[in-house]
C-alpha atoms as a PDB file:
ATOM      1  CA  MET A   1       0.318  39.474  -4.025  1.00  0.00           C
ATOM      2  CA  THR A   2      -2.758  37.311  -4.577  1.00  0.00           C
ATOM      3  CA  MET A   3      -2.504  33.687  -3.547  1.00  0.00           C
ATOM      4  CA  PRO A   4      -2.925  31.175  -6.363  1.00  0.00           C
ATOM      5  CA  ILE A   5      -6.323  29.516  -6.252  1.00  0.00           C
ATOM      6  CA  SER A   6      -6.170  25.895  -5.145  1.00  0.00           C
ATOM      7  CA  THR A   7      -6.963  23.361  -7.847  1.00  0.00           C
ATOM      8  CA  ILE A   8      -8.523  20.969  -5.328  1.00  0.00           C
ATOM      9  CA  ASP A   9     -12.253  20.716  -5.887  1.00  0.00           C
ATOM     10  CA  THR A  10     -14.866  20.644  -3.137  1.00  0.00           C
ATOM     11  CA  GLN A  11     -15.676  16.967  -3.772  1.00  0.00           C
ATOM     12  CA  ASP A  12     -12.062  15.955  -3.081  1.00  0.00           C
ATOM     13  CA  LYS A  13     -12.003  18.118   0.046  1.00  0.00           C
ATOM     14  CA  ALA A  14     -15.234  16.482   1.251  1.00  0.00           C
ATOM     15  CA  ALA A  15     -13.852  12.980   0.594  1.00  0.00           C
ATOM     16  CA  ILE A  16     -10.585  13.673   2.455  1.00  0.00           C
ATOM     17  CA  GLN A  17     -12.514  15.106   5.389  1.00  0.00           C
ATOM     18  CA  ALA A  18     -14.822  12.067   5.391  1.00  0.00           C
ATOM     19  CA  ALA A  19     -11.820   9.699   5.430  1.00  0.00           C
ATOM     20  CA  GLU A  20     -10.505  11.533   8.486  1.00  0.00           C
ATOM     21  CA  THR A  21     -13.754  12.051  10.424  1.00  0.00           C
ATOM     22  CA  THR A  22     -16.551   9.797   9.073  1.00  0.00           C
ATOM     23  CA  VAL A  23     -16.244   7.446   6.089  1.00  0.00           C
ATOM     24  CA  ALA A  24     -15.308   7.644   2.406  1.00  0.00           C
ATOM     25  CA  ILE A  25     -15.518   5.015  -0.334  1.00  0.00           C
ATOM     26  CA  CYS A  26     -12.946   4.638  -3.102  1.00  0.00           C
ATOM     27  CA  ASP A  27     -13.214   2.459  -6.212  1.00  0.00           C
ATOM     28  CA  ARG A  28      -9.950   0.507  -6.544  1.00  0.00           C
ATOM     29  CA  SER A  29     -11.197  -1.852  -9.257  1.00  0.00           C
ATOM     30  CA  HIS A  30      -8.306  -0.812 -11.551  1.00  0.00           C
ATOM     31  CA  TRP A  31      -5.914  -2.518  -9.107  1.00  0.00           C
ATOM     32  CA  GLY A  32      -4.850  -5.999 -10.182  1.00  0.00           C
ATOM     33  CA  ARG A  33      -6.305  -9.182  -8.673  1.00  0.00           C
ATOM     34  CA  ILE A  34      -4.357 -12.409  -9.152  1.00  0.00           C
ATOM     35  CA  LYS A  35      -5.746 -15.718  -7.889  1.00  0.00           C
ATOM     36  CA  VAL A  36      -3.188 -18.336  -6.861  1.00  0.00           C
ATOM     37  CA  THR A  37      -4.572 -21.871  -6.626  1.00  0.00           C
ATOM     38  CA  ASP A  38      -3.522 -25.540  -6.309  1.00  0.00           C
ATOM     39  CA  GLY A  39      -1.737 -27.492  -3.601  1.00  0.00           C
ATOM     40  CA  ASP A  40       1.581 -25.642  -3.367  1.00  0.00           C
ATOM     41  CA  ARG A  41       0.129 -22.113  -3.405  1.00  0.00           C
ATOM     42  CA  LEU A  42       1.133 -21.114   0.154  1.00  0.00           C
ATOM     43  CA  ARG A  43       4.633 -22.581  -0.088  1.00  0.00           C
ATOM     44  CA  PHE A  44       5.102 -20.872  -3.449  1.00  0.00           C
ATOM     45  CA  LEU A  45       4.095 -17.400  -2.212  1.00  0.00           C
ATOM     46  CA  HIS A  46       6.144 -17.985   0.952  1.00  0.00           C
ATOM     47  CA  ASN A  47       9.226 -18.495  -1.238  1.00  0.00           C
ATOM     48  CA  GLN A  48       8.531 -15.565  -3.583  1.00  0.00           C
ATOM     49  CA  SER A  49       7.836 -12.707  -1.157  1.00  0.00           C
ATOM     50  CA  THR A  50       8.827 -11.244   2.203  1.00  0.00           C
ATOM     51  CA  ASN A  51       6.034 -12.350   4.560  1.00  0.00           C
ATOM     52  CA  ASP A  52       5.338 -15.696   6.234  1.00  0.00           C
ATOM     53  CA  PHE A  53       2.565 -17.471   4.297  1.00  0.00           C
ATOM     54  CA  GLN A  54       3.040 -20.899   5.868  1.00  0.00           C
ATOM     55  CA  LYS A  55       1.460 -19.730   9.140  1.00  0.00           C
ATOM     56  CA  LEU A  56      -1.635 -18.150   7.537  1.00  0.00           C
ATOM     57  CA  GLN A  57      -4.986 -19.898   7.833  1.00  0.00           C
ATOM     58  CA  PRO A  58      -8.024 -19.428   5.556  1.00  0.00           C
ATOM     59  CA  GLY A  59      -9.710 -16.159   6.553  1.00  0.00           C
ATOM     60  CA  GLN A  60      -6.380 -14.466   7.319  1.00  0.00           C
ATOM     61  CA  GLY A  61      -4.294 -12.128   5.194  1.00  0.00           C
ATOM     62  CA  CYS A  62      -1.196  -9.953   5.162  1.00  0.00           C
ATOM     63  CA  ASP A  63       0.763  -7.362   3.230  1.00  0.00           C
ATOM     64  CA  THR A  64       3.850  -8.711   1.496  1.00  0.00           C
ATOM     65  CA  VAL A  65       6.541  -7.319  -0.797  1.00  0.00           C
ATOM     66  CA  PHE A  66       7.707  -8.954  -3.996  1.00  0.00           C
ATOM     67  CA  VAL A  67      11.426  -8.288  -4.376  1.00  0.00           C
ATOM     68  CA  THR A  68      14.200  -9.111  -6.830  1.00  0.00           C
ATOM     69  CA  SER A  69      17.049 -11.513  -5.996  1.00  0.00           C
ATOM     70  CA  THR A  70      19.001  -8.485  -4.672  1.00  0.00           C
ATOM     71  CA  ALA A  71      15.990  -7.454  -2.516  1.00  0.00           C
ATOM     72  CA  ARG A  72      14.954  -4.480  -4.661  1.00  0.00           C
ATOM     73  CA  THR A  73      11.241  -3.717  -4.469  1.00  0.00           C
ATOM     74  CA  ILE A  74       8.804  -4.768  -7.212  1.00  0.00           C
ATOM     75  CA  ASP A  75       5.419  -4.291  -5.513  1.00  0.00           C
ATOM     76  CA  LEU A  76       3.608  -4.090  -2.201  1.00  0.00           C
ATOM     77  CA  ALA A  77       0.672  -6.502  -2.378  1.00  0.00           C
ATOM     78  CA  THR A  78      -2.093  -7.585  -0.012  1.00  0.00           C
ATOM     79  CA  ALA A  79      -2.774 -11.324   0.135  1.00  0.00           C
ATOM     80  CA  TYR A  80      -6.030 -12.900   1.289  1.00  0.00           C
ATOM     81  CA  VAL A  81      -5.862 -16.612   2.112  1.00  0.00           C
ATOM     82  CA  MET A  82      -9.050 -18.520   1.279  1.00  0.00           C
ATOM     83  CA  GLU A  83      -9.997 -22.202   1.608  1.00  0.00           C
ATOM     84  CA  ASP A  84      -8.816 -23.119  -1.880  1.00  0.00           C
ATOM     85  CA  ALA A  85      -6.906 -20.058  -3.133  1.00  0.00           C
ATOM     86  CA  VAL A  86      -4.901 -16.955  -2.264  1.00  0.00           C
ATOM     87  CA  LEU A  87      -6.105 -13.696  -3.761  1.00  0.00           C
ATOM     88  CA  LEU A  88      -3.412 -11.075  -4.340  1.00  0.00           C
ATOM     89  CA  LEU A  89      -4.390  -7.408  -4.612  1.00  0.00           C
ATOM     90  CA  VAL A  90      -1.546  -5.765  -6.530  1.00  0.00           C
ATOM     91  CA  SER A  91      -0.744  -2.300  -7.863  1.00  0.00           C
ATOM     92  CA  PRO A  92      -2.413  -1.380 -11.178  1.00  0.00           C
ATOM     93  CA  ASN A  93       0.911  -0.978 -13.002  1.00  0.00           C
ATOM     94  CA  ARG A  94       2.330  -4.280 -11.713  1.00  0.00           C
ATOM     95  CA  ARG A  95      -0.451  -6.724 -12.561  1.00  0.00           C
ATOM     96  CA  GLU A  96       0.919  -8.051 -15.872  1.00  0.00           C
ATOM     97  CA  TYR A  97       4.529  -7.859 -14.758  1.00  0.00           C
ATOM     98  CA  LEU A  98       3.843  -9.879 -11.595  1.00  0.00           C
ATOM     99  CA  LEU A  99       1.845 -12.509 -13.464  1.00  0.00           C
ATOM    100  CA  GLN A 100       4.810 -13.096 -15.796  1.00  0.00           C
ATOM    101  CA  TRP A 101       7.386 -12.813 -13.014  1.00  0.00           C
ATOM    102  CA  LEU A 102       5.605 -15.312 -10.747  1.00  0.00           C
ATOM    103  CA  ASP A 103       5.018 -17.662 -13.673  1.00  0.00           C
ATOM    104  CA  ARG A 104       8.789 -17.806 -14.271  1.00  0.00           C
ATOM    105  CA  TYR A 105       9.269 -19.321 -10.807  1.00  0.00           C
ATOM    106  CA  ILE A 106       6.703 -22.117 -11.191  1.00  0.00           C
ATOM    107  CA  PHE A 107       8.746 -25.230 -11.839  1.00  0.00           C
ATOM    108  CA  PHE A 108       7.631 -28.469 -13.423  1.00  0.00           C
ATOM    109  CA  ALA A 109       6.650 -30.272 -10.204  1.00  0.00           C
ATOM    110  CA  ASP A 110       5.015 -27.236  -8.540  1.00  0.00           C
ATOM    111  CA  LYS A 111       1.260 -27.428  -8.066  1.00  0.00           C
ATOM    112  CA  VAL A 112       0.539 -23.734  -8.629  1.00  0.00           C
ATOM    113  CA  GLN A 113      -1.923 -22.016 -10.960  1.00  0.00           C
ATOM    114  CA  LEU A 114      -2.076 -18.253 -11.561  1.00  0.00           C
ATOM    115  CA  THR A 115      -5.287 -16.646 -12.835  1.00  0.00           C
ATOM    116  CA  ASP A 116      -5.842 -12.975 -13.565  1.00  0.00           C
ATOM    117  CA  VAL A 117      -9.322 -12.268 -12.151  1.00  0.00           C
ATOM    118  CA  THR A 118      -9.115  -8.460 -12.409  1.00  0.00           C
ATOM    119  CA  ASP A 119     -11.821  -8.125 -15.063  1.00  0.00           C
ATOM    120  CA  GLN A 120     -14.325 -10.394 -13.289  1.00  0.00           C
ATOM    121  CA  THR A 121     -13.946  -8.692  -9.911  1.00  0.00           C
ATOM    122  CA  ALA A 122     -14.064  -5.236  -8.352  1.00  0.00           C
ATOM    123  CA  THR A 123     -12.408  -3.693  -5.293  1.00  0.00           C
ATOM    124  CA  LEU A 124     -13.928  -0.982  -3.107  1.00  0.00           C
ATOM    125  CA  SER A 125     -12.238   0.494  -0.040  1.00  0.00           C
ATOM    126  CA  LEU A 126     -14.046   2.009   2.928  1.00  0.00           C
ATOM    127  CA  ILE A 127     -11.822   4.564   4.642  1.00  0.00           C
ATOM    128  CA  GLY A 128     -12.451   6.302   7.943  1.00  0.00           C
ATOM    129  CA  PRO A 129     -13.531   5.892  11.564  1.00  0.00           C
ATOM    130  CA  ASP A 130     -17.203   5.258  10.731  1.00  0.00           C
ATOM    131  CA  SER A 131     -16.487   2.382   8.331  1.00  0.00           C
ATOM    132  CA  ASP A 132     -17.545  -0.100  11.040  1.00  0.00           C
ATOM    133  CA  THR A 133     -21.091   1.290  10.833  1.00  0.00           C
ATOM    134  CA  ILE A 134     -21.265   0.657   7.066  1.00  0.00           C
ATOM    135  CA  VAL A 135     -19.848  -2.847   7.414  1.00  0.00           C
ATOM    136  CA  GLU A 136     -22.416  -3.621  10.106  1.00  0.00           C
ATOM    137  CA  LYS A 137     -25.259  -2.395   7.881  1.00  0.00           C
ATOM    138  CA  LEU A 138     -23.951  -4.609   5.062  1.00  0.00           C
ATOM    139  CA  GLY A 139     -24.452  -7.577   7.402  1.00  0.00           C
ATOM    140  CA  ALA A 140     -20.737  -8.088   7.958  1.00  0.00           C
ATOM    141  CA  ALA A 141     -20.526  -7.172  11.670  1.00  0.00           C
ATOM    142  CA  ALA A 142     -18.626 -10.406  12.438  1.00  0.00           C
ATOM    143  CA  ILE A 143     -15.453  -8.978  10.814  1.00  0.00           C
ATOM    144  CA  ILE A 144     -15.357  -5.873  13.047  1.00  0.00           C
ATOM    145  CA  GLY A 145     -12.465  -5.858  15.514  1.00  0.00           C
ATOM    146  CA  GLN A 146     -10.535  -8.642  13.781  1.00  0.00           C
ATOM    147  CA  PRO A 147      -6.813  -8.309  12.935  1.00  0.00           C
ATOM    148  CA  TYR A 148      -5.557  -6.608   9.766  1.00  0.00           C
ATOM    149  CA  GLY A 149      -5.981  -8.768   6.658  1.00  0.00           C
ATOM    150  CA  ASN A 150      -8.685 -10.989   8.150  1.00  0.00           C
ATOM    151  CA  HIS A 151     -11.608 -11.424   5.772  1.00  0.00           C
ATOM    152  CA  GLN A 152     -14.966 -13.162   5.465  1.00  0.00           C
ATOM    153  CA  MET A 153     -17.565 -13.672   2.775  1.00  0.00           C
ATOM    154  CA  PHE A 154     -20.941 -11.966   3.256  1.00  0.00           C
ATOM    155  CA  ASP A 155     -23.595 -12.140   0.509  1.00  0.00           C
ATOM    156  CA  GLY A 156     -20.996 -12.822  -2.183  1.00  0.00           C
ATOM    157  CA  ILE A 157     -18.725  -9.969  -0.996  1.00  0.00           C
ATOM    158  CA  HIS A 158     -15.315 -10.592   0.541  1.00  0.00           C
ATOM    159  CA  VAL A 159     -14.970  -8.030   3.343  1.00  0.00           C
ATOM    160  CA  ALA A 160     -11.393  -7.621   4.614  1.00  0.00           C
ATOM    161  CA  VAL A 161      -9.978  -5.570   7.469  1.00  0.00           C
ATOM    162  CA  GLY A 162      -7.771  -2.723   6.197  1.00  0.00           C
ATOM    163  CA  SER A 163      -8.388   0.240   3.890  1.00  0.00           C
ATOM    164  CA  GLY A 164      -5.170  -0.003   1.859  1.00  0.00           C
ATOM    165  CA  LEU A 165      -3.970   3.152   3.619  1.00  0.00           C
ATOM    166  CA  ALA A 166      -2.933   3.915   7.206  1.00  0.00           C
ATOM    167  CA  SER A 167      -6.528   4.968   7.948  1.00  0.00           C
ATOM    168  CA  ARG A 168      -8.985   2.560   9.537  1.00  0.00           C
ATOM    169  CA  GLY A 169     -11.271   0.817   7.113  1.00  0.00           C
ATOM    170  CA  TYR A 170     -12.148  -2.222   5.030  1.00  0.00           C
ATOM    171  CA  THR A 171     -11.524  -3.547   1.548  1.00  0.00           C
ATOM    172  CA  LEU A 172     -14.362  -5.240  -0.337  1.00  0.00           C
ATOM    173  CA  ILE A 173     -13.702  -7.646  -3.200  1.00  0.00           C
ATOM    174  CA  LEU A 174     -16.782  -8.617  -5.170  1.00  0.00           C
ATOM    175  CA  PRO A 175     -18.001  -9.764  -8.598  1.00  0.00           C
ATOM    176  CA  THR A 176     -18.085  -6.949 -11.190  1.00  0.00           C
ATOM    177  CA  ALA A 177     -21.785  -7.726 -11.803  1.00  0.00           C
ATOM    178  CA  ILE A 178     -22.824  -6.418  -8.372  1.00  0.00           C
ATOM    179  CA  LYS A 179     -20.330  -3.550  -8.066  1.00  0.00           C
ATOM    180  CA  GLU A 180     -22.710  -0.757  -9.000  1.00  0.00           C
ATOM    181  CA  THR A 181     -25.450  -2.004  -6.656  1.00  0.00           C
ATOM    182  CA  VAL A 182     -23.046  -2.329  -3.732  1.00  0.00           C
ATOM    183  CA  TRP A 183     -21.426   1.073  -4.440  1.00  0.00           C
ATOM    184  CA  ASN A 184     -24.840   2.788  -4.542  1.00  0.00           C
ATOM    185  CA  LYS A 185     -25.930   1.101  -1.321  1.00  0.00           C
ATOM    186  CA  ILE A 186     -22.760   2.194   0.499  1.00  0.00           C
ATOM    187  CA  VAL A 187     -23.156   5.781  -0.735  1.00  0.00           C
ATOM    188  CA  GLU A 188     -26.798   5.707   0.415  1.00  0.00           C
ATOM    189  CA  LEU A 189     -25.559   4.603   3.834  1.00  0.00           C
ATOM    190  CA  GLY A 190     -23.524   7.820   4.025  1.00  0.00           C
ATOM    191  CA  ALA A 191     -20.063   7.088   2.591  1.00  0.00           C
ATOM    192  CA  VAL A 192     -18.582   9.986   0.590  1.00  0.00           C
ATOM    193  CA  PRO A 193     -17.246   8.963  -2.870  1.00  0.00           C
ATOM    194  CA  MET A 194     -13.487   9.473  -3.161  1.00  0.00           C
ATOM    195  CA  SER A 195     -11.741  10.112  -6.494  1.00  0.00           C
ATOM    196  CA  ASP A 196      -8.381   8.590  -7.494  1.00  0.00           C
ATOM    197  CA  ARG A 197      -6.850  12.034  -6.998  1.00  0.00           C
ATOM    198  CA  ALA A 198      -8.095  12.272  -3.402  1.00  0.00           C
ATOM    199  CA  TRP A 199      -6.779   8.734  -2.769  1.00  0.00           C
ATOM    200  CA  GLU A 200      -3.408   9.905  -4.121  1.00  0.00           C
ATOM    201  CA  MET A 201      -3.422  12.862  -1.698  1.00  0.00           C
ATOM    202  CA  LEU A 202      -3.996  10.478   1.218  1.00  0.00           C
ATOM    203  CA  ARG A 203      -1.462   7.994  -0.136  1.00  0.00           C
ATOM    204  CA  ILE A 204       1.291  10.611  -0.234  1.00  0.00           C
ATOM    205  CA  THR A 205       0.320  12.216   3.087  1.00  0.00           C
ATOM    206  CA  GLN A 206       0.291   8.820   4.814  1.00  0.00           C
ATOM    207  CA  GLY A 207       3.286   7.376   2.966  1.00  0.00           C
ATOM    208  CA  ARG A 208       1.947   4.343   1.137  1.00  0.00           C
ATOM    209  CA  PRO A 209       4.666   3.573  -1.450  1.00  0.00           C
ATOM    210  CA  VAL A 210       3.843   2.726  -5.071  1.00  0.00           C
ATOM    211  CA  PRO A 211       5.805   1.101  -7.910  1.00  0.00           C
ATOM    212  CA  ASP A 212       7.867   3.336 -10.229  1.00  0.00           C
ATOM    213  CA  GLN A 213       7.996   6.012  -7.511  1.00  0.00           C
ATOM    214  CA  GLU A 214       8.880   4.691  -4.057  1.00  0.00           C
ATOM    215  CA  LEU A 215       9.147   1.034  -5.076  1.00  0.00           C
ATOM    216  CA  THR A 216      11.908   0.688  -7.657  1.00  0.00           C
ATOM    217  CA  ASP A 217      15.207  -1.068  -8.323  1.00  0.00           C
ATOM    218  CA  ASP A 218      16.902   1.579  -6.154  1.00  0.00           C
ATOM    219  CA  TYR A 219      15.266   0.594  -2.856  1.00  0.00           C
ATOM    220  CA  ASN A 220      14.715  -2.407  -0.590  1.00  0.00           C
ATOM    221  CA  PRO A 221      11.697  -2.989   1.729  1.00  0.00           C
ATOM    222  CA  LEU A 222      13.564  -1.910   4.875  1.00  0.00           C
ATOM    223  CA  GLU A 223      14.530   1.434   3.335  1.00  0.00           C
ATOM    224  CA  VAL A 224      10.883   1.901   2.417  1.00  0.00           C
ATOM    225  CA  GLY A 225       9.975   1.121   6.037  1.00  0.00           C
ATOM    226  CA  LEU A 226       7.756  -1.891   5.303  1.00  0.00           C
ATOM    227  CA  TRP A 227       8.961  -3.848   8.343  1.00  0.00           C
ATOM    228  CA  GLN A 228       5.473  -5.229   8.993  1.00  0.00           C
ATOM    229  CA  THR A 229       5.634  -7.114   5.681  1.00  0.00           C
ATOM    230  CA  VAL A 230       8.947  -8.863   6.395  1.00  0.00           C
ATOM    231  CA  SER A 231       9.354 -12.115   8.321  1.00  0.00           C
ATOM    232  CA  PHE A 232      12.889 -12.521   9.668  1.00  0.00           C
ATOM    233  CA  ASN A 233      12.494 -16.132  10.819  1.00  0.00           C
ATOM    234  CA  LYS A 234      10.649 -17.815   7.966  1.00  0.00           C
ATOM    235  CA  GLY A 235      13.683 -19.222   6.169  1.00  0.00           C
ATOM    236  CA  CYS A 236      14.783 -18.821   2.601  1.00  0.00           C
ATOM    237  CA  TYR A 237      13.032 -16.700  -0.042  1.00  0.00           C
ATOM    238  CA  ILE A 238      14.025 -14.535  -2.982  1.00  0.00           C
ATOM    239  CA  GLY A 239      16.106 -11.585  -1.713  1.00  0.00           C
ATOM    240  CA  GLN A 240      16.196 -12.928   1.865  1.00  0.00           C
ATOM    241  CA  GLU A 241      19.980 -12.823   2.393  1.00  0.00           C
ATOM    242  CA  THR A 242      20.246  -9.119   1.622  1.00  0.00           C
ATOM    243  CA  ILE A 243      17.297  -8.212   3.854  1.00  0.00           C
ATOM    244  CA  ALA A 244      18.555 -10.373   6.754  1.00  0.00           C
ATOM    245  CA  ARG A 245      22.013  -8.764   6.518  1.00  0.00           C
ATOM    246  CA  LEU A 246      20.575  -5.237   6.536  1.00  0.00           C
ATOM    247  CA  ASN A 247      18.598  -6.059   9.669  1.00  0.00           C
ATOM    248  CA  THR A 248      21.410  -7.903  11.495  1.00  0.00           C
ATOM    249  CA  TYR A 249      23.985  -5.158  10.907  1.00  0.00           C
ATOM    250  CA  LYS A 250      21.491  -2.284  11.123  1.00  0.00           C
ATOM    251  CA  GLY A 251      22.623  -1.307   7.660  1.00  0.00           C
ATOM    252  CA  VAL A 252      19.629   0.686   6.355  1.00  0.00           C
ATOM    253  CA  LYS A 253      21.293   3.714   4.753  1.00  0.00           C
ATOM    254  CA  GLN A 254      18.207   5.697   3.762  1.00  0.00           C
ATOM    255  CA  HIS A 255      14.558   5.959   4.787  1.00  0.00           C
ATOM    256  CA  LEU A 256      11.313   7.014   3.161  1.00  0.00           C
ATOM    257  CA  TRP A 257       9.880  10.175   4.771  1.00  0.00           C
ATOM    258  CA  GLY A 258       7.069  12.628   4.204  1.00  0.00           C
ATOM    259  CA  ILE A 259       7.976  16.178   3.175  1.00  0.00           C
ATOM    260  CA  ASN A 260       5.912  19.325   3.678  1.00  0.00           C
ATOM    261  CA  LEU A 261       6.787  21.509   0.689  1.00  0.00           C
ATOM    262  CA  SER A 262       6.456  25.261   0.173  1.00  0.00           C
ATOM    263  CA  ALA A 263       5.530  24.713  -3.502  1.00  0.00           C
ATOM    264  CA  ALA A 264       5.235  21.966  -6.112  1.00  0.00           C
ATOM    265  CA  ALA A 265       8.423  20.043  -6.934  1.00  0.00           C
ATOM    266  CA  GLN A 266       9.192  17.474  -9.608  1.00  0.00           C
ATOM    267  CA  PRO A 267       9.631  13.828  -8.520  1.00  0.00           C
ATOM    268  CA  GLY A 268      13.248  12.850  -9.120  1.00  0.00           C
ATOM    269  CA  THR A 269      14.513  16.205  -7.792  1.00  0.00           C
ATOM    270  CA  THR A 270      17.546  16.031  -5.501  1.00  0.00           C
ATOM    271  CA  ILE A 271      16.999  16.847  -1.820  1.00  0.00           C
ATOM    272  CA  THR A 272      19.781  18.873  -0.200  1.00  0.00           C
ATOM    273  CA  ILE A 273      20.826  20.393   3.124  1.00  0.00           C
ATOM    274  CA  GLY A 274      23.166  23.258   2.370  1.00  0.00           C
ATOM    275  CA  ASP A 275      25.511  21.953  -0.343  1.00  0.00           C
ATOM    276  CA  GLU A 276      25.064  18.338   0.636  1.00  0.00           C
ATOM    277  CA  LYS A 277      22.868  15.934  -1.303  1.00  0.00           C
ATOM    278  CA  VAL A 278      20.845  13.902   1.210  1.00  0.00           C
ATOM    279  CA  GLY A 279      18.122  12.273  -0.872  1.00  0.00           C
ATOM    280  CA  LYS A 280      15.577  12.290  -3.674  1.00  0.00           C
ATOM    281  CA  LEU A 281      11.923  13.270  -4.041  1.00  0.00           C
ATOM    282  CA  THR A 282       9.716  10.409  -5.281  1.00  0.00           C
ATOM    283  CA  SER A 283       6.141  11.819  -5.183  1.00  0.00           C
ATOM    284  CA  CYS A 284       4.489  15.236  -4.892  1.00  0.00           C
ATOM    285  CA  ILE A 285       0.893  16.462  -4.854  1.00  0.00           C
ATOM    286  CA  GLU A 286      -1.146  19.446  -3.759  1.00  0.00           C
ATOM    287  CA  THR A 287      -3.338  18.562  -0.769  1.00  0.00           C
ATOM    288  CA  VAL A 288      -5.884  20.525   1.237  1.00  0.00           C
ATOM    289  CA  ASP A 289      -3.005  21.401   3.601  1.00  0.00           C
ATOM    290  CA  GLY A 290      -0.531  22.527   0.928  1.00  0.00           C
ATOM    291  CA  TYR A 291       2.044  20.604  -1.090  1.00  0.00           C
ATOM    292  CA  ARG A 292       3.115  17.225   0.241  1.00  0.00           C
ATOM    293  CA  GLY A 293       5.840  14.921  -0.994  1.00  0.00           C
ATOM    294  CA  LEU A 294       7.546  11.621  -0.300  1.00  0.00           C
ATOM    295  CA  GLY A 295      11.269  11.113  -0.592  1.00  0.00           C
ATOM    296  CA  TYR A 296      14.237   9.074   0.539  1.00  0.00           C
ATOM    297  CA  ILE A 297      16.601  10.736   3.018  1.00  0.00           C
ATOM    298  CA  ARG A 298      20.005   9.390   4.022  1.00  0.00           C
ATOM    299  CA  THR A 299      19.816   7.957   7.553  1.00  0.00           C
ATOM    300  CA  LYS A 300      22.840   9.977   8.723  1.00  0.00           C
ATOM    301  CA  ALA A 301      21.184  13.263   7.687  1.00  0.00           C
ATOM    302  CA  GLY A 302      18.447  12.908  10.308  1.00  0.00           C
ATOM    303  CA  GLY A 303      14.673  12.619  10.210  1.00  0.00           C
ATOM    304  CA  ALA A 304      11.489  14.405  11.276  1.00  0.00           C
ATOM    305  CA  GLY A 305      11.909  18.157  11.677  1.00  0.00           C
ATOM    306  CA  LEU A 306      14.822  18.379   9.252  1.00  0.00           C
ATOM    307  CA  GLN A 307      14.739  21.495   7.030  1.00  0.00           C
ATOM    308  CA  VAL A 308      15.670  20.682   3.432  1.00  0.00           C
ATOM    309  CA  LYS A 309      15.689  22.094  -0.083  1.00  0.00           C
ATOM    310  CA  VAL A 310      14.042  20.139  -2.901  1.00  0.00           C
ATOM    311  CA  GLY A 311      15.591  21.832  -5.890  1.00  0.00           C
ATOM    312  CA  GLU A 312      14.633  25.460  -5.190  1.00  0.00           C
ATOM    313  CA  VAL A 313      11.657  24.567  -2.970  1.00  0.00           C
ATOM    314  CA  THR A 314      11.963  24.548   0.829  1.00  0.00           C
ATOM    315  CA  GLY A 315      10.684  21.550   2.759  1.00  0.00           C
ATOM    316  CA  GLU A 316      10.417  19.960   6.188  1.00  0.00           C
ATOM    317  CA  ILE A 317      10.743  16.235   6.827  1.00  0.00           C
ATOM    318  CA  VAL A 318       7.719  14.727   8.620  1.00  0.00           C
ATOM    319  CA  GLN A 319       6.644  11.310   9.916  1.00  0.00           C
ATOM    320  CA  ILE A 320       4.346   9.181   7.748  1.00  0.00           C
ATOM    321  CA  PRO A 321       2.062   6.640   9.453  1.00  0.00           C
ATOM    322  CA  PHE A 322       2.129   3.921   6.785  1.00  0.00           C
ATOM    323  CA  VAL A 323       5.821   3.056   7.320  1.00  0.00           C
ATOM    324  CA  SER A 324       8.136   2.510  10.272  1.00  0.00           C
ATOM    325  CA  HIS A 325      11.843   3.222  10.744  1.00  0.00           C
ATOM    326  CA  GLU A 326      12.313   1.030  13.809  1.00  0.00           C
ATOM    327  CA  TYR A 327      14.387  -2.151  13.767  1.00  0.00           C
ATOM    328  CA  PRO A 328      12.381  -4.989  15.331  1.00  0.00           C
ATOM    329  CA  GLU A 329      13.354  -5.975  18.897  1.00  0.00           C
END
């Protein structure tokens, strides 16, 4: 029997390899960018999402999850705190929804302004162990070695620590007018261009959740494994009671895991062990190492190493570096 020919092109293979061994660059300009300004901006975001904004100083940042009143996930966003604003980097398919959703919670006395700056700005991510070298050559060496989410302005470019994936790297936010120049310079410096498809391969392999797939009304942030985005001692916020209860009583009933698959499977397919339903597939893609998926597995069923069926396809549950299944100490 002849093996089917992989549909992954050489450019995607080169970009994935670069992200793992040298450095790749991905254009994330289609992601949403929402600017939050005015005097109550930090208090407002503190009350509307899972992380602790009150302790953040200008130049710092964090990942945070916007959740419903019952703690169901809406989006995983990255927030950069500046002197006079907070810039939110949000998923492409949540930009308009979040603008409207956040606007609903601005009350008469609140000093909060929301501005969609997506069209005036661009986002580029450097991914891989050699990204420090590029950042240094861009004149931004001062940011190297700083904590995740920290960011500084260099020549009109905001350079932030973190690639948007579990890989080492940086995220650059800059005016649209200089995007092409900056992109070309970074490619000249040796970064390998990465397509959206290659990003998606890394996203699924590493376990970064996205709206409509892993982030839906069916799941809360602790089931997703986004512990690093949740503050348990910051006081009241939307969805806080549910999340606090799940943590206190160790009540997380399912977890997001990676799945190595023997063939392609359709997201939404039931995951079984024998006759027992143990979860659901949320994402699937062909990678350079075969088919990879993400899915939720019932906690009682087990974890890494588990052999499962996804519909008719066989699979093995594997760890994913972007999320954690550990309760905090």
